[in-house]
Amino acid sequence: MAGKEPLEKQVYMRSRYGVTAPSYDELYLEEQVEKYAVALSRHRPEGVVLDAGCGTGLLIEYMLATGMLEGVAVYVGLDLTPEMLERAVPRLRSSGVLGELVEGDLEYLPFRDSAFTLAYSFTVVDLLSRPERGLEELCRVSRRGVVYSLLKRAQKLKRMQARARYVGETDKDVVLYAECGERKGFV
């Protein structure tokens, strides 16, 4: 997908993940849980939380299973793919947390500035046409910061790591934290 225009890539990704939605949990659950364990051990969810690229809702299920939802006032899951969001609905409902699922593009978040206390984005930034734009948007909507993962093999990893703090890693991914807020941000 290198060299694709943003809209063309967005259409491709929506279609790809729409097809993958029924088998996503079976294929990626363990991998995702590893990232969550690394990230949330250092950056515990609290306040109003954004899960950008929420997919089937595995993060909220993980937070519920590990007792990390107690500090969360509101959970918002955003995903580009309607089929993924459909699978996230039961997980959000069973969590007991006030929340909403939103279909949207991480590069153009439909939220006001500083709407969230903390944002998480796992397995998404690598897929964006303009990853820096996505991280700028996440910082725009987060008061505290953004916890995100990048594939270790990603060509843009060194550039993206230079602007964030190392949190930890799994076999395939590096987990990073970008501090946001006034006069900070990804850029």
N, C-alpha and C. Protein backbone atom coordinates (compact mmCIF):
# COMPACT_ATOMS: atom_id res chain seq x y z
N MET A 1 0.81 -1.20 0.00
CA MET A 1 0.00 0.00 0.00
C MET A 1 0.85 1.27 0.00
N ALA A 2 2.16 1.12 -0.01
CA ALA A 2 3.02 2.30 -0.02
C ALA A 2 2.72 3.12 -1.26
N GLY A 3 2.71 4.42 -1.09
CA GLY A 3 2.49 5.33 -2.20
C GLY A 3 1.03 5.57 -2.54
N LYS A 4 0.12 4.91 -1.88
CA LYS A 4 -1.30 5.12 -2.16
C LYS A 4 -1.74 6.47 -1.60
N GLU A 5 -2.67 7.09 -2.29
CA GLU A 5 -3.27 8.32 -1.80
C GLU A 5 -4.09 8.02 -0.55
N PRO A 6 -4.21 8.97 0.39
CA PRO A 6 -4.93 8.72 1.65
C PRO A 6 -6.34 8.16 1.48
N LEU A 7 -7.14 8.71 0.60
CA LEU A 7 -8.51 8.22 0.44
C LEU A 7 -8.52 6.80 -0.11
N GLU A 8 -7.66 6.54 -1.07
CA GLU A 8 -7.58 5.20 -1.66
C GLU A 8 -7.15 4.18 -0.60
N LYS A 9 -6.20 4.55 0.22
CA LYS A 9 -5.74 3.65 1.27
C LYS A 9 -6.85 3.45 2.31
N GLN A 10 -7.56 4.51 2.64
CA GLN A 10 -8.65 4.40 3.61
C GLN A 10 -9.72 3.42 3.11
N VAL A 11 -10.09 3.52 1.85
CA VAL A 11 -11.08 2.61 1.27
C VAL A 11 -10.57 1.17 1.33
N TYR A 12 -9.31 0.98 0.99
CA TYR A 12 -8.70 -0.35 1.04
C TYR A 12 -8.73 -0.90 2.47
N MET A 13 -8.31 -0.11 3.45
CA MET A 13 -8.24 -0.58 4.84
C MET A 13 -9.64 -0.90 5.37
N ARG A 14 -10.62 -0.08 5.06
CA ARG A 14 -11.99 -0.33 5.51
C ARG A 14 -12.47 -1.68 4.95
N SER A 15 -12.21 -1.92 3.69
CA SER A 15 -12.62 -3.17 3.06
C SER A 15 -11.86 -4.36 3.67
N ARG A 16 -10.56 -4.21 3.82
CA ARG A 16 -9.73 -5.29 4.37
C ARG A 16 -10.19 -5.69 5.77
N TYR A 17 -10.40 -4.71 6.63
CA TYR A 17 -10.81 -5.03 8.00
C TYR A 17 -12.28 -5.43 8.09
N GLY A 18 -13.09 -4.99 7.14
CA GLY A 18 -14.47 -5.45 7.08
C GLY A 18 -14.52 -6.95 6.83
N VAL A 19 -13.68 -7.42 5.93
CA VAL A 19 -13.60 -8.84 5.62
C VAL A 19 -12.98 -9.62 6.79
N THR A 20 -12.03 -9.03 7.48
CA THR A 20 -11.32 -9.68 8.58
C THR A 20 -12.13 -9.71 9.87
N ALA A 21 -13.11 -8.84 10.03
CA ALA A 21 -13.85 -8.68 11.29
C ALA A 21 -14.32 -10.00 11.90
N PRO A 22 -14.94 -10.92 11.14
CA PRO A 22 -15.44 -12.14 11.76
C PRO A 22 -14.35 -13.01 12.40
N SER A 23 -13.14 -12.95 11.89
CA SER A 23 -12.07 -13.80 12.42
C SER A 23 -10.99 -13.02 13.17
N TYR A 24 -11.18 -11.71 13.34
CA TYR A 24 -10.15 -10.87 13.93
C TYR A 24 -9.72 -11.36 15.32
N ASP A 25 -10.68 -11.62 16.20
CA ASP A 25 -10.34 -12.03 17.56
C ASP A 25 -9.54 -13.32 17.58
N GLU A 26 -9.96 -14.27 16.77
CA GLU A 26 -9.26 -15.55 16.71
C GLU A 26 -7.82 -15.36 16.22
N LEU A 27 -7.64 -14.48 15.25
CA LEU A 27 -6.32 -14.27 14.66
C LEU A 27 -5.40 -13.42 15.53
N TYR A 28 -5.94 -12.41 16.24
CA TYR A 28 -5.09 -11.40 16.86
C TYR A 28 -5.26 -11.19 18.36
N LEU A 29 -6.13 -11.92 19.01
CA LEU A 29 -6.40 -11.70 20.43
C LEU A 29 -5.12 -11.74 21.27
N GLU A 30 -4.36 -12.80 21.17
CA GLU A 30 -3.15 -12.93 22.00
C GLU A 30 -2.17 -11.79 21.76
N GLU A 31 -1.97 -11.46 20.51
CA GLU A 31 -1.06 -10.39 20.14
C GLU A 31 -1.50 -9.04 20.74
N GLN A 32 -2.79 -8.76 20.66
CA GLN A 32 -3.32 -7.51 21.19
C GLN A 32 -3.19 -7.48 22.72
N VAL A 33 -3.54 -8.57 23.38
CA VAL A 33 -3.47 -8.63 24.85
C VAL A 33 -2.05 -8.37 25.33
N GLU A 34 -1.06 -8.88 24.62
CA GLU A 34 0.34 -8.60 24.99
C GLU A 34 0.62 -7.10 24.98
N LYS A 35 0.15 -6.41 23.96
CA LYS A 35 0.37 -4.95 23.86
C LYS A 35 -0.36 -4.22 24.99
N TYR A 36 -1.60 -4.65 25.26
CA TYR A 36 -2.37 -4.01 26.32
C TYR A 36 -1.66 -4.16 27.67
N ALA A 37 -1.15 -5.35 27.94
CA ALA A 37 -0.47 -5.59 29.22
C ALA A 37 0.74 -4.67 29.38
N VAL A 38 1.52 -4.53 28.32
CA VAL A 38 2.69 -3.65 28.36
C VAL A 38 2.25 -2.20 28.58
N ALA A 39 1.32 -1.75 27.79
CA ALA A 39 0.90 -0.34 27.81
C ALA A 39 0.20 0.05 29.10
N LEU A 40 -0.76 -0.75 29.52
CA LEU A 40 -1.58 -0.38 30.67
C LEU A 40 -0.86 -0.59 32.00
N SER A 41 0.23 -1.33 31.99
CA SER A 41 1.02 -1.47 33.22
C SER A 41 1.68 -0.14 33.58
N ARG A 42 1.93 0.70 32.59
CA ARG A 42 2.56 2.00 32.82
C ARG A 42 1.62 3.19 32.65
N HIS A 43 0.55 3.01 31.87
CA HIS A 43 -0.38 4.11 31.59
C HIS A 43 -1.80 3.60 31.78
N ARG A 44 -2.21 3.60 33.03
CA ARG A 44 -3.52 3.07 33.42
C ARG A 44 -4.63 4.00 32.93
N PRO A 45 -5.71 3.42 32.41
CA PRO A 45 -6.81 4.25 31.91
C PRO A 45 -7.53 4.97 33.04
N GLU A 46 -7.92 6.23 32.77
CA GLU A 46 -8.69 7.01 33.75
C GLU A 46 -9.43 8.13 33.03
N GLY A 47 -10.48 8.58 33.66
CA GLY A 47 -11.24 9.70 33.11
C GLY A 47 -11.97 9.32 31.84
N VAL A 48 -11.85 10.18 30.84
CA VAL A 48 -12.50 9.97 29.55
C VAL A 48 -11.44 9.40 28.60
N VAL A 49 -11.66 8.17 28.16
CA VAL A 49 -10.66 7.42 27.41
C VAL A 49 -11.09 7.24 25.96
N LEU A 50 -10.15 7.46 25.04
CA LEU A 50 -10.36 7.19 23.63
C LEU A 50 -9.57 5.95 23.23
N ASP A 51 -10.24 5.00 22.60
CA ASP A 51 -9.61 3.82 22.02
C ASP A 51 -9.70 4.00 20.51
N ALA A 52 -8.67 4.59 19.91
CA ALA A 52 -8.68 4.93 18.49
C ALA A 52 -8.19 3.73 17.68
N GLY A 53 -9.12 3.15 16.94
CA GLY A 53 -8.85 1.90 16.24
C GLY A 53 -9.30 0.75 17.12
N CYS A 54 -10.46 0.91 17.73
CA CYS A 54 -10.94 -0.04 18.75
C CYS A 54 -11.26 -1.42 18.20
N GLY A 55 -11.43 -1.53 16.90
CA GLY A 55 -11.71 -2.84 16.31
C GLY A 55 -12.93 -3.49 16.94
N THR A 56 -12.76 -4.71 17.41
CA THR A 56 -13.87 -5.50 17.97
C THR A 56 -14.09 -5.25 19.46
N GLY A 57 -13.37 -4.28 20.02
CA GLY A 57 -13.55 -3.95 21.43
C GLY A 57 -12.71 -4.77 22.40
N LEU A 58 -11.60 -5.30 21.91
CA LEU A 58 -10.75 -6.13 22.78
C LEU A 58 -10.16 -5.34 23.94
N LEU A 59 -9.84 -4.07 23.74
CA LEU A 59 -9.24 -3.28 24.82
C LEU A 59 -10.21 -3.09 25.97
N ILE A 60 -11.46 -2.77 25.70
CA ILE A 60 -12.40 -2.57 26.80
C ILE A 60 -12.64 -3.89 27.53
N GLU A 61 -12.66 -4.99 26.79
CA GLU A 61 -12.81 -6.30 27.42
C GLU A 61 -11.60 -6.60 28.32
N TYR A 62 -10.40 -6.25 27.85
CA TYR A 62 -9.19 -6.44 28.65
C TYR A 62 -9.24 -5.57 29.91
N MET A 63 -9.64 -4.33 29.77
CA MET A 63 -9.71 -3.43 30.94
C MET A 63 -10.71 -3.97 31.96
N LEU A 64 -11.83 -4.50 31.50
CA LEU A 64 -12.83 -5.08 32.39
C LEU A 64 -12.26 -6.30 33.11
N ALA A 65 -11.63 -7.18 32.36
CA ALA A 65 -11.08 -8.43 32.93
C ALA A 65 -9.97 -8.18 33.93
N THR A 66 -9.23 -7.09 33.78
CA THR A 66 -8.10 -6.81 34.66
C THR A 66 -8.42 -5.78 35.74
N GLY A 67 -9.68 -5.36 35.84
CA GLY A 67 -10.07 -4.39 36.86
C GLY A 67 -9.63 -2.97 36.59
N MET A 68 -9.31 -2.66 35.36
CA MET A 68 -8.81 -1.32 35.05
C MET A 68 -9.89 -0.35 34.59
N LEU A 69 -11.13 -0.74 34.66
CA LEU A 69 -12.21 0.16 34.26
C LEU A 69 -12.68 1.05 35.40
N GLU A 70 -12.27 0.76 36.62
CA GLU A 70 -12.80 1.52 37.76
C GLU A 70 -12.51 3.01 37.70
N GLY A 71 -11.40 3.41 37.08
CA GLY A 71 -11.09 4.83 36.97
C GLY A 71 -11.60 5.48 35.69
N VAL A 72 -12.27 4.70 34.85
CA VAL A 72 -12.75 5.21 33.56
C VAL A 72 -14.17 5.74 33.72
N ALA A 73 -14.35 7.02 33.44
CA ALA A 73 -15.68 7.64 33.52
C ALA A 73 -16.46 7.41 32.23
N VAL A 74 -15.76 7.55 31.09
CA VAL A 74 -16.38 7.38 29.77
C VAL A 74 -15.34 6.73 28.86
N TYR A 75 -15.81 5.76 28.08
CA TYR A 75 -14.99 5.08 27.09
C TYR A 75 -15.57 5.40 25.72
N VAL A 76 -14.71 5.84 24.78
CA VAL A 76 -15.14 6.06 23.41
C VAL A 76 -14.23 5.22 22.51
N GLY A 77 -14.85 4.36 21.73
CA GLY A 77 -14.12 3.55 20.76
C GLY A 77 -14.37 4.11 19.36
N LEU A 78 -13.30 4.31 18.62
CA LEU A 78 -13.40 4.82 17.26
C LEU A 78 -12.79 3.79 16.32
N ASP A 79 -13.47 3.53 15.21
CA ASP A 79 -12.91 2.64 14.21
C ASP A 79 -13.41 3.05 12.83
N LEU A 80 -12.61 2.76 11.83
CA LEU A 80 -12.93 3.07 10.45
C LEU A 80 -13.93 2.09 9.86
N THR A 81 -14.03 0.91 10.47
CA THR A 81 -14.76 -0.20 9.87
C THR A 81 -16.05 -0.53 10.61
N PRO A 82 -17.21 -0.37 9.97
CA PRO A 82 -18.49 -0.66 10.63
C PRO A 82 -18.60 -2.11 11.13
N GLU A 83 -18.05 -3.05 10.38
CA GLU A 83 -18.12 -4.46 10.79
C GLU A 83 -17.37 -4.71 12.09
N MET A 84 -16.28 -4.01 12.30
CA MET A 84 -15.53 -4.14 13.55
C MET A 84 -16.35 -3.53 14.70
N LEU A 85 -16.92 -2.36 14.46
CA LEU A 85 -17.72 -1.70 15.49
C LEU A 85 -18.92 -2.55 15.90
N GLU A 86 -19.55 -3.22 14.94
CA GLU A 86 -20.68 -4.10 15.27
C GLU A 86 -20.27 -5.16 16.28
N ARG A 87 -19.06 -5.67 16.14
CA ARG A 87 -18.57 -6.71 17.05
C ARG A 87 -18.14 -6.12 18.40
N ALA A 88 -17.89 -4.82 18.44
CA ALA A 88 -17.50 -4.17 19.70
C ALA A 88 -18.71 -3.83 20.58
N VAL A 89 -19.88 -3.72 20.00
CA VAL A 89 -21.08 -3.32 20.75
C VAL A 89 -21.31 -4.20 21.98
N PRO A 90 -21.34 -5.53 21.86
CA PRO A 90 -21.61 -6.34 23.06
C PRO A 90 -20.54 -6.17 24.15
N ARG A 91 -19.31 -5.95 23.76
CA ARG A 91 -18.24 -5.76 24.74
C ARG A 91 -18.42 -4.46 25.50
N LEU A 92 -18.78 -3.41 24.79
CA LEU A 92 -19.03 -2.13 25.46
C LEU A 92 -20.22 -2.26 26.41
N ARG A 93 -21.30 -2.87 25.95
CA ARG A 93 -22.48 -3.03 26.79
C ARG A 93 -22.18 -3.84 28.04
N SER A 94 -21.43 -4.92 27.90
CA SER A 94 -21.16 -5.78 29.07
C SER A 94 -20.17 -5.16 30.04
N SER A 95 -19.46 -4.10 29.61
CA SER A 95 -18.48 -3.47 30.49
C SER A 95 -19.14 -2.68 31.61
N GLY A 96 -20.36 -2.20 31.38
CA GLY A 96 -21.04 -1.39 32.38
C GLY A 96 -20.56 0.05 32.41
N VAL A 97 -19.66 0.42 31.54
CA VAL A 97 -19.12 1.77 31.49
C VAL A 97 -19.93 2.61 30.51
N LEU A 98 -20.12 3.88 30.86
CA LEU A 98 -20.75 4.82 29.94
C LEU A 98 -19.83 4.95 28.74
N GLY A 99 -20.37 4.79 27.55
CA GLY A 99 -19.49 4.87 26.40
C GLY A 99 -20.22 4.97 25.10
N GLU A 100 -19.43 5.09 24.06
CA GLU A 100 -19.97 5.22 22.72
C GLU A 100 -18.96 4.66 21.73
N LEU A 101 -19.48 4.13 20.62
CA LEU A 101 -18.65 3.67 19.52
C LEU A 101 -18.92 4.57 18.33
N VAL A 102 -17.83 5.03 17.69
CA VAL A 102 -17.94 6.02 16.63
C VAL A 102 -17.19 5.52 15.39
N GLU A 103 -17.84 5.60 14.25
CA GLU A 103 -17.16 5.29 12.99
C GLU A 103 -16.44 6.56 12.54
N GLY A 104 -15.13 6.44 12.32
CA GLY A 104 -14.38 7.62 11.92
C GLY A 104 -12.95 7.30 11.56
N ASP A 105 -12.27 8.31 11.06
CA ASP A 105 -10.91 8.23 10.55
C ASP A 105 -9.95 8.85 11.57
N LEU A 106 -8.94 8.12 11.95
CA LEU A 106 -7.98 8.60 12.94
C LEU A 106 -7.23 9.86 12.48
N GLU A 107 -7.09 10.04 11.19
CA GLU A 107 -6.39 11.23 10.69
C GLU A 107 -7.27 12.49 10.74
N TYR A 108 -8.58 12.30 10.94
CA TYR A 108 -9.53 13.42 11.03
C TYR A 108 -10.53 13.10 12.13
N LEU A 109 -10.09 13.19 13.37
CA LEU A 109 -10.93 12.79 14.49
C LEU A 109 -12.11 13.74 14.68
N PRO A 110 -13.30 13.18 14.87
CA PRO A 110 -14.50 14.00 15.01
C PRO A 110 -14.78 14.44 16.44
N PHE A 111 -13.73 14.86 17.15
CA PHE A 111 -13.86 15.25 18.55
C PHE A 111 -13.23 16.62 18.77
N ARG A 112 -13.71 17.31 19.80
CA ARG A 112 -13.16 18.64 20.11
C ARG A 112 -11.78 18.50 20.76
N ASP A 113 -11.04 19.58 20.78
CA ASP A 113 -9.73 19.61 21.40
C ASP A 113 -9.83 19.20 22.87
N SER A 114 -8.87 18.44 23.35
CA SER A 114 -8.76 18.04 24.76
C SER A 114 -10.01 17.35 25.30
N ALA A 115 -10.73 16.64 24.45
CA ALA A 115 -11.96 15.96 24.87
C ALA A 115 -11.68 14.74 25.75
N PHE A 116 -10.47 14.18 25.67
CA PHE A 116 -10.14 12.94 26.38
C PHE A 116 -9.00 13.15 27.36
N THR A 117 -9.03 12.37 28.41
CA THR A 117 -7.93 12.40 29.37
C THR A 117 -6.71 11.71 28.76
N LEU A 118 -6.95 10.56 28.14
CA LEU A 118 -5.88 9.73 27.60
C LEU A 118 -6.40 9.01 26.36
N ALA A 119 -5.54 8.84 25.37
CA ALA A 119 -5.91 8.12 24.15
C ALA A 119 -4.99 6.91 23.98
N TYR A 120 -5.58 5.83 23.50
CA TYR A 120 -4.84 4.61 23.16
C TYR A 120 -5.06 4.33 21.69
N SER A 121 -4.03 3.80 21.03
CA SER A 121 -4.17 3.40 19.63
C SER A 121 -3.20 2.26 19.35
N PHE A 122 -3.75 1.07 19.28
CA PHE A 122 -2.93 -0.12 19.05
C PHE A 122 -3.15 -0.65 17.64
N THR A 123 -2.04 -0.91 16.97
CA THR A 123 -2.07 -1.53 15.65
C THR A 123 -2.81 -0.68 14.63
N VAL A 124 -2.63 0.63 14.69
CA VAL A 124 -3.31 1.52 13.74
C VAL A 124 -2.33 2.48 13.08
N VAL A 125 -1.47 3.11 13.84
CA VAL A 125 -0.62 4.19 13.32
C VAL A 125 0.19 3.73 12.11
N ASP A 126 0.70 2.48 12.15
CA ASP A 126 1.46 1.95 11.02
C ASP A 126 0.64 1.91 9.73
N LEU A 127 -0.66 1.80 9.87
CA LEU A 127 -1.54 1.62 8.72
C LEU A 127 -1.98 2.93 8.07
N LEU A 128 -1.70 4.03 8.71
CA LEU A 128 -2.16 5.33 8.20
C LEU A 128 -1.30 5.81 7.03
N SER A 129 -1.93 6.53 6.12
CA SER A 129 -1.19 7.15 5.02
C SER A 129 -0.22 8.20 5.57
N ARG A 130 -0.69 8.90 6.59
CA ARG A 130 0.12 9.95 7.23
C ARG A 130 0.13 9.72 8.74
N PRO A 131 1.02 8.86 9.22
CA PRO A 131 1.02 8.53 10.65
C PRO A 131 1.22 9.74 11.56
N GLU A 132 2.06 10.68 11.14
CA GLU A 132 2.27 11.86 11.97
C GLU A 132 0.97 12.66 12.11
N ARG A 133 0.20 12.73 11.05
CA ARG A 133 -1.10 13.42 11.09
C ARG A 133 -2.02 12.74 12.10
N GLY A 134 -2.05 11.42 12.10
CA GLY A 134 -2.86 10.68 13.06
C GLY A 134 -2.44 10.95 14.49
N LEU A 135 -1.15 10.97 14.73
CA LEU A 135 -0.66 11.24 16.09
C LEU A 135 -0.91 12.69 16.50
N GLU A 136 -0.81 13.62 15.56
CA GLU A 136 -1.16 15.01 15.86
C GLU A 136 -2.62 15.11 16.29
N GLU A 137 -3.48 14.40 15.56
CA GLU A 137 -4.91 14.41 15.89
C GLU A 137 -5.15 13.80 17.27
N LEU A 138 -4.48 12.70 17.56
CA LEU A 138 -4.64 12.08 18.88
C LEU A 138 -4.19 13.02 19.98
N CYS A 139 -3.09 13.72 19.77
CA CYS A 139 -2.62 14.69 20.76
C CYS A 139 -3.58 15.88 20.87
N ARG A 140 -4.18 16.26 19.77
CA ARG A 140 -5.13 17.37 19.80
C ARG A 140 -6.31 17.06 20.71
N VAL A 141 -6.78 15.82 20.69
CA VAL A 141 -7.98 15.47 21.45
C VAL A 141 -7.67 14.94 22.85
N SER A 142 -6.40 14.74 23.18
CA SER A 142 -6.03 14.19 24.49
C SER A 142 -5.35 15.24 25.36
N ARG A 143 -5.79 15.36 26.60
CA ARG A 143 -5.17 16.30 27.53
C ARG A 143 -3.83 15.79 28.03
N ARG A 144 -3.74 14.50 28.30
CA ARG A 144 -2.54 13.95 28.91
C ARG A 144 -1.56 13.37 27.92
N GLY A 145 -2.03 12.46 27.08
CA GLY A 145 -1.10 11.82 26.16
C GLY A 145 -1.73 10.71 25.35
N VAL A 146 -0.87 10.09 24.54
CA VAL A 146 -1.29 9.02 23.64
C VAL A 146 -0.36 7.82 23.84
N VAL A 147 -0.95 6.68 24.08
CA VAL A 147 -0.22 5.42 24.16
C VAL A 147 -0.52 4.68 22.86
N TYR A 148 0.54 4.31 22.12
CA TYR A 148 0.31 3.68 20.82
C TYR A 148 1.39 2.64 20.54
N SER A 149 1.06 1.75 19.60
CA SER A 149 2.03 0.72 19.21
C SER A 149 2.42 0.89 17.76
N LEU A 150 3.64 0.47 17.47
CA LEU A 150 4.16 0.44 16.10
C LEU A 150 4.81 -0.92 15.88
N LEU A 151 4.65 -1.45 14.70
CA LEU A 151 5.36 -2.68 14.35
C LEU A 151 6.86 -2.42 14.36
N LYS A 152 7.62 -3.33 14.91
CA LYS A 152 9.07 -3.16 14.95
C LYS A 152 9.66 -3.05 13.55
N ARG A 153 9.06 -3.74 12.60
CA ARG A 153 9.57 -3.73 11.23
C ARG A 153 9.16 -2.49 10.43
N ALA A 154 8.37 -1.62 11.03
CA ALA A 154 7.90 -0.43 10.30
C ALA A 154 9.07 0.46 9.93
N GLN A 155 9.11 0.89 8.69
CA GLN A 155 10.18 1.76 8.22
C GLN A 155 10.19 3.09 8.95
N LYS A 156 9.02 3.53 9.37
CA LYS A 156 8.92 4.84 10.02
C LYS A 156 9.19 4.78 11.51
N LEU A 157 9.55 3.62 12.03
CA LEU A 157 9.69 3.43 13.47
C LEU A 157 10.68 4.41 14.10
N LYS A 158 11.87 4.54 13.56
CA LYS A 158 12.88 5.41 14.17
C LYS A 158 12.39 6.86 14.25
N ARG A 159 11.78 7.34 13.19
CA ARG A 159 11.26 8.72 13.17
C ARG A 159 10.16 8.90 14.21
N MET A 160 9.29 7.90 14.32
CA MET A 160 8.16 7.98 15.24
C MET A 160 8.62 7.82 16.69
N GLN A 161 9.64 7.01 16.92
CA GLN A 161 10.15 6.80 18.27
C GLN A 161 10.84 8.03 18.81
N ALA A 162 11.45 8.81 17.95
CA ALA A 162 12.20 9.98 18.38
C ALA A 162 11.31 11.00 19.06
N ARG A 163 10.02 10.97 18.79
CA ARG A 163 9.10 11.96 19.33
C ARG A 163 8.27 11.43 20.49
N ALA A 164 8.62 10.26 21.00
CA ALA A 164 7.82 9.66 22.06
C ALA A 164 8.74 8.94 23.04
N ARG A 165 8.15 8.55 24.17
CA ARG A 165 8.89 7.78 25.17
C ARG A 165 8.59 6.30 25.02
N TYR A 166 9.60 5.52 25.18
CA TYR A 166 9.49 4.07 25.12
C TYR A 166 8.72 3.57 26.34
N VAL A 167 7.73 2.72 26.12
CA VAL A 167 6.97 2.12 27.21
C VAL A 167 7.37 0.67 27.39
N GLY A 168 7.52 -0.06 26.30
CA GLY A 168 7.89 -1.46 26.34
C GLY A 168 7.68 -2.08 24.97
N GLU A 169 7.78 -3.41 24.90
CA GLU A 169 7.61 -4.05 23.61
C GLU A 169 7.15 -5.49 23.75
N THR A 170 6.65 -6.01 22.65
CA THR A 170 6.28 -7.41 22.52
C THR A 170 7.19 -7.98 21.42
N ASP A 171 6.96 -9.20 21.03
CA ASP A 171 7.78 -9.78 19.95
C ASP A 171 7.71 -8.97 18.67
N LYS A 172 6.51 -8.46 18.34
CA LYS A 172 6.30 -7.77 17.07
C LYS A 172 6.23 -6.26 17.16
N ASP A 173 5.89 -5.72 18.33
CA ASP A 173 5.57 -4.30 18.43
C ASP A 173 6.38 -3.57 19.49
N VAL A 174 6.49 -2.26 19.29
CA VAL A 174 7.02 -1.35 20.29
C VAL A 174 5.85 -0.51 20.77
N VAL A 175 5.74 -0.32 22.08
CA VAL A 175 4.68 0.51 22.65
C VAL A 175 5.31 1.82 23.09
N LEU A 176 4.71 2.94 22.68
CA LEU A 176 5.25 4.26 22.93
C LEU A 176 4.22 5.16 23.59
N TYR A 177 4.71 6.25 24.19
CA TYR A 177 3.83 7.24 24.82
C TYR A 177 4.27 8.62 24.37
N ALA A 178 3.33 9.37 23.81
CA ALA A 178 3.58 10.76 23.44
C ALA A 178 2.80 11.64 24.41
N GLU A 179 3.51 12.50 25.10
CA GLU A 179 2.86 13.42 26.02
C GLU A 179 2.19 14.53 25.21
N CYS A 180 1.00 14.88 25.60
CA CYS A 180 0.24 15.90 24.88
C CYS A 180 -0.07 17.05 25.84
N GLY A 181 -0.99 17.87 25.46
CA GLY A 181 -1.38 18.99 26.31
C GLY A 181 -0.84 20.29 25.76
N GLU A 182 -1.02 21.32 26.56
CA GLU A 182 -0.62 22.66 26.14
C GLU A 182 0.85 22.73 25.79
N ARG A 183 1.16 23.28 24.62
CA ARG A 183 2.51 23.47 24.10
C ARG A 183 3.29 22.17 23.93
N LYS A 184 2.58 21.06 23.97
CA LYS A 184 3.23 19.79 23.69
C LYS A 184 2.53 19.22 22.50
N GLY A 185 2.71 17.99 22.25
CA GLY A 185 2.06 17.38 21.12
C GLY A 185 3.05 16.61 20.31
N PHE A 186 2.57 15.99 19.31
CA PHE A 186 3.43 15.10 18.56
C PHE A 186 4.41 15.85 17.66
N VAL A 187 4.00 16.98 17.15
CA VAL A 187 4.88 17.70 16.22
C VAL A 187 5.83 18.62 16.96
